[in-house]
Amino acid sequence: MDSLEVILLLEKKIDELLNYISNLEDEKRNLENILSEREQTINDLNTQIQNLQNERNDIGNRVEKILSRINAITSYQGSTEEVHM
């Protein structure tokens, strides 16, 4: 192999390596975009979970208040029935 062939071969290898590096950089950017989208999805889902938990707590509190009112009414009715007997 003469010097020119070695240089040409070296240039070819360098070009292949640069193309490979460029492809890796593209893939890295794509993966970073996917990661960013997934992180946003996770944040959105966490927010949704928090909202649903808050809603569930609010509903639970309302149900407790309603049950307390029902108990108060039934207790009052029971005590008035005893007076009338």
N, C-alpha and C. Protein backbone atom coordinates (compact mmCIF):
# COMPACT_ATOMS: atom_id res chain seq x y z
N MET A 1 0.84 -1.16 0.00
CA MET A 1 0.00 0.00 0.00
C MET A 1 0.89 1.24 0.00
N ASP A 2 0.60 2.13 -0.92
CA ASP A 2 1.43 3.33 -0.96
C ASP A 2 0.83 4.40 -0.05
N SER A 3 1.50 5.49 0.10
CA SER A 3 1.09 6.57 1.01
C SER A 3 -0.26 7.15 0.63
N LEU A 4 -0.51 7.30 -0.65
CA LEU A 4 -1.78 7.85 -1.10
C LEU A 4 -2.94 6.94 -0.72
N GLU A 5 -2.76 5.64 -0.89
CA GLU A 5 -3.81 4.69 -0.52
C GLU A 5 -4.08 4.73 0.99
N VAL A 6 -3.04 4.86 1.75
CA VAL A 6 -3.17 4.92 3.21
C VAL A 6 -3.94 6.19 3.60
N ILE A 7 -3.60 7.28 2.97
CA ILE A 7 -4.27 8.55 3.26
C ILE A 7 -5.75 8.46 2.85
N LEU A 8 -6.01 7.90 1.68
CA LEU A 8 -7.40 7.74 1.22
C LEU A 8 -8.20 6.84 2.18
N LEU A 9 -7.59 5.78 2.59
CA LEU A 9 -8.23 4.87 3.53
C LEU A 9 -8.49 5.58 4.86
N LEU A 10 -7.52 6.33 5.31
CA LEU A 10 -7.66 7.08 6.55
C LEU A 10 -8.78 8.12 6.43
N GLU A 11 -8.83 8.81 5.29
CA GLU A 11 -9.91 9.78 5.06
C GLU A 11 -11.28 9.10 5.09
N LYS A 12 -11.34 7.93 4.47
CA LYS A 12 -12.60 7.19 4.44
C LYS A 12 -13.02 6.81 5.86
N LYS A 13 -12.09 6.33 6.64
CA LYS A 13 -12.38 5.93 8.02
C LYS A 13 -12.81 7.15 8.86
N ILE A 14 -12.16 8.27 8.63
CA ILE A 14 -12.50 9.49 9.36
C ILE A 14 -13.91 9.93 8.97
N ASP A 15 -14.24 9.88 7.70
CA ASP A 15 -15.58 10.23 7.24
C ASP A 15 -16.63 9.31 7.85
N GLU A 16 -16.35 8.03 7.89
CA GLU A 16 -17.27 7.07 8.50
C GLU A 16 -17.46 7.37 9.99
N LEU A 17 -16.37 7.68 10.64
CA LEU A 17 -16.42 7.98 12.06
C LEU A 17 -17.22 9.26 12.31
N LEU A 18 -17.01 10.27 11.49
CA LEU A 18 -17.77 11.52 11.63
C LEU A 18 -19.26 11.29 11.38
N ASN A 19 -19.58 10.48 10.39
CA ASN A 19 -20.98 10.14 10.14
C ASN A 19 -21.59 9.39 11.32
N TYR A 20 -20.81 8.48 11.87
CA TYR A 20 -21.27 7.71 13.03
C TYR A 20 -21.52 8.65 14.22
N ILE A 21 -20.61 9.57 14.44
CA ILE A 21 -20.77 10.54 15.53
C ILE A 21 -22.00 11.41 15.29
N SER A 22 -22.20 11.85 14.08
CA SER A 22 -23.37 12.66 13.74
C SER A 22 -24.66 11.88 14.00
N ASN A 23 -24.67 10.63 13.60
CA ASN A 23 -25.85 9.79 13.85
C ASN A 23 -26.11 9.61 15.34
N LEU A 24 -25.04 9.43 16.10
CA LEU A 24 -25.19 9.29 17.55
C LEU A 24 -25.74 10.58 18.17
N GLU A 25 -25.27 11.70 17.69
CA GLU A 25 -25.77 12.98 18.20
C GLU A 25 -27.25 13.16 17.88
N ASP A 26 -27.65 12.77 16.67
CA ASP A 26 -29.06 12.84 16.29
C ASP A 26 -29.90 11.94 17.19
N GLU A 27 -29.42 10.74 17.40
CA GLU A 27 -30.13 9.79 18.25
C GLU A 27 -30.22 10.32 19.68
N LYS A 28 -29.15 10.91 20.15
CA LYS A 28 -29.16 11.48 21.50
C LYS A 28 -30.21 12.58 21.60
N ARG A 29 -30.28 13.47 20.62
CA ARG A 29 -31.28 14.54 20.63
C ARG A 29 -32.69 13.95 20.63
N ASN A 30 -32.91 12.94 19.80
CA ASN A 30 -34.22 12.29 19.76
C ASN A 30 -34.58 11.67 21.11
N LEU A 31 -33.63 11.01 21.72
CA LEU A 31 -33.88 10.39 23.02
C LEU A 31 -34.12 11.45 24.11
N GLU A 32 -33.42 12.56 24.03
CA GLU A 32 -33.64 13.65 24.98
C GLU A 32 -35.04 14.23 24.81
N ASN A 33 -35.50 14.34 23.56
CA ASN A 33 -36.86 14.82 23.31
C ASN A 33 -37.89 13.86 23.87
N ILE A 34 -37.67 12.58 23.65
CA ILE A 34 -38.58 11.56 24.18
C ILE A 34 -38.60 11.62 25.70
N LEU A 35 -37.42 11.75 26.30
CA LEU A 35 -37.33 11.84 27.76
C LEU A 35 -38.07 13.07 28.28
N SER A 36 -37.89 14.18 27.61
CA SER A 36 -38.57 15.40 28.01
C SER A 36 -40.10 15.24 27.93
N GLU A 37 -40.57 14.63 26.86
CA GLU A 37 -42.01 14.38 26.71
C GLU A 37 -42.52 13.46 27.81
N ARG A 38 -41.77 12.43 28.12
CA ARG A 38 -42.17 11.49 29.17
C ARG A 38 -42.19 12.18 30.54
N GLU A 39 -41.19 13.02 30.79
CA GLU A 39 -41.16 13.75 32.06
C GLU A 39 -42.37 14.67 32.17
N GLN A 40 -42.75 15.30 31.06
CA GLN A 40 -43.93 16.16 31.07
C GLN A 40 -45.18 15.34 31.32
N THR A 41 -45.26 14.18 30.70
CA THR A 41 -46.40 13.28 30.91
C THR A 41 -46.48 12.88 32.38
N ILE A 42 -45.34 12.55 32.97
CA ILE A 42 -45.30 12.18 34.39
C ILE A 42 -45.78 13.34 35.25
N ASN A 43 -45.30 14.53 34.96
CA ASN A 43 -45.73 15.71 35.73
C ASN A 43 -47.23 15.93 35.59
N ASP A 44 -47.74 15.79 34.36
CA ASP A 44 -49.17 15.95 34.13
C ASP A 44 -49.98 14.92 34.90
N LEU A 45 -49.50 13.67 34.88
CA LEU A 45 -50.20 12.61 35.60
C LEU A 45 -50.15 12.82 37.11
N ASN A 46 -49.01 13.28 37.62
CA ASN A 46 -48.90 13.56 39.04
C ASN A 46 -49.87 14.67 39.44
N THR A 47 -49.99 15.68 38.60
CA THR A 47 -50.94 16.76 38.86
C THR A 47 -52.36 16.22 38.85
N GLN A 48 -52.66 15.38 37.88
CA GLN A 48 -53.99 14.78 37.79
C GLN A 48 -54.28 13.92 39.02
N ILE A 49 -53.31 13.16 39.46
CA ILE A 49 -53.48 12.33 40.67
C ILE A 49 -53.76 13.21 41.87
N GLN A 50 -53.00 14.28 42.01
CA GLN A 50 -53.20 15.20 43.14
C GLN A 50 -54.60 15.81 43.10
N ASN A 51 -55.03 16.22 41.91
CA ASN A 51 -56.37 16.79 41.77
C ASN A 51 -57.45 15.77 42.14
N LEU A 52 -57.26 14.53 41.70
CA LEU A 52 -58.24 13.49 42.02
C LEU A 52 -58.25 13.17 43.51
N GLN A 53 -57.08 13.18 44.13
CA GLN A 53 -57.02 12.94 45.58
C GLN A 53 -57.71 14.08 46.34
N ASN A 54 -57.49 15.30 45.89
CA ASN A 54 -58.16 16.44 46.53
C ASN A 54 -59.68 16.34 46.36
N GLU A 55 -60.10 15.96 45.16
CA GLU A 55 -61.53 15.80 44.90
C GLU A 55 -62.12 14.70 45.78
N ARG A 56 -61.40 13.60 45.90
CA ARG A 56 -61.86 12.49 46.74
C ARG A 56 -61.98 12.94 48.20
N ASN A 57 -60.99 13.71 48.67
CA ASN A 57 -61.04 14.20 50.05
C ASN A 57 -62.23 15.14 50.24
N ASP A 58 -62.46 16.02 49.26
CA ASP A 58 -63.61 16.92 49.35
C ASP A 58 -64.92 16.15 49.39
N ILE A 59 -65.03 15.14 48.55
CA ILE A 59 -66.25 14.32 48.53
C ILE A 59 -66.41 13.60 49.87
N GLY A 60 -65.32 13.06 50.39
CA GLY A 60 -65.37 12.38 51.69
C GLY A 60 -65.83 13.32 52.79
N ASN A 61 -65.31 14.54 52.77
CA ASN A 61 -65.72 15.53 53.78
C ASN A 61 -67.20 15.87 53.65
N ARG A 62 -67.65 16.02 52.43
CA ARG A 62 -69.07 16.33 52.21
C ARG A 62 -69.96 15.18 52.68
N VAL A 63 -69.55 13.96 52.38
CA VAL A 63 -70.32 12.79 52.81
C VAL A 63 -70.38 12.74 54.34
N GLU A 64 -69.25 13.02 55.00
CA GLU A 64 -69.23 13.02 56.47
C GLU A 64 -70.19 14.08 57.02
N LYS A 65 -70.21 15.25 56.41
CA LYS A 65 -71.12 16.31 56.86
C LYS A 65 -72.57 15.89 56.66
N ILE A 66 -72.86 15.29 55.52
CA ILE A 66 -74.22 14.83 55.25
C ILE A 66 -74.63 13.77 56.26
N LEU A 67 -73.72 12.81 56.54
CA LEU A 67 -74.03 11.77 57.51
C LEU A 67 -74.24 12.35 58.91
N SER A 68 -73.44 13.34 59.25
CA SER A 68 -73.61 13.99 60.55
C SER A 68 -74.96 14.67 60.64
N ARG A 69 -75.35 15.34 59.56
CA ARG A 69 -76.66 15.99 59.55
C ARG A 69 -77.78 14.97 59.65
N ILE A 70 -77.63 13.86 58.93
CA ILE A 70 -78.65 12.79 59.00
C ILE A 70 -78.71 12.24 60.42
N ASN A 71 -77.56 11.99 61.03
CA ASN A 71 -77.54 11.49 62.40
C ASN A 71 -78.18 12.48 63.36
N ALA A 72 -77.90 13.77 63.15
CA ALA A 72 -78.50 14.79 64.01
C ALA A 72 -80.01 14.79 63.85
N ILE A 73 -80.49 14.67 62.63
CA ILE A 73 -81.94 14.66 62.37
C ILE A 73 -82.57 13.43 63.00
N THR A 74 -81.95 12.26 62.78
CA THR A 74 -82.53 11.03 63.34
C THR A 74 -82.45 11.03 64.86
N SER A 75 -81.40 11.59 65.43
CA SER A 75 -81.31 11.69 66.88
C SER A 75 -82.38 12.63 67.41
N TYR A 76 -82.58 13.73 66.74
CA TYR A 76 -83.61 14.69 67.15
C TYR A 76 -84.99 14.06 67.04
N GLN A 77 -85.23 13.36 65.94
CA GLN A 77 -86.53 12.71 65.76
C GLN A 77 -86.75 11.64 66.82
N GLY A 78 -85.71 10.91 67.16
CA GLY A 78 -85.82 9.87 68.18
C GLY A 78 -86.12 10.47 69.54
N SER A 79 -85.52 11.59 69.84
CA SER A 79 -85.75 12.21 71.15
C SER A 79 -87.13 12.84 71.21
N THR A 80 -87.66 13.35 70.11
CA THR A 80 -89.02 13.91 70.12
C THR A 80 -90.06 12.82 70.17
N GLU A 81 -89.77 11.66 69.63
CA GLU A 81 -90.70 10.54 69.69
C GLU A 81 -90.80 10.04 71.10
N GLU A 82 -89.71 10.06 71.85
CA GLU A 82 -89.75 9.61 73.25
C GLU A 82 -90.58 10.55 74.10
N VAL A 83 -90.52 11.84 73.78
CA VAL A 83 -91.29 12.83 74.54
C VAL A 83 -92.78 12.64 74.29
N HIS A 84 -93.17 12.29 73.08
CA HIS A 84 -94.57 12.13 72.72
C HIS A 84 -95.15 10.81 73.23
N MET A 85 -94.39 9.90 73.65
CA MET A 85 -94.92 8.60 74.09
C MET A 85 -95.44 8.64 75.44
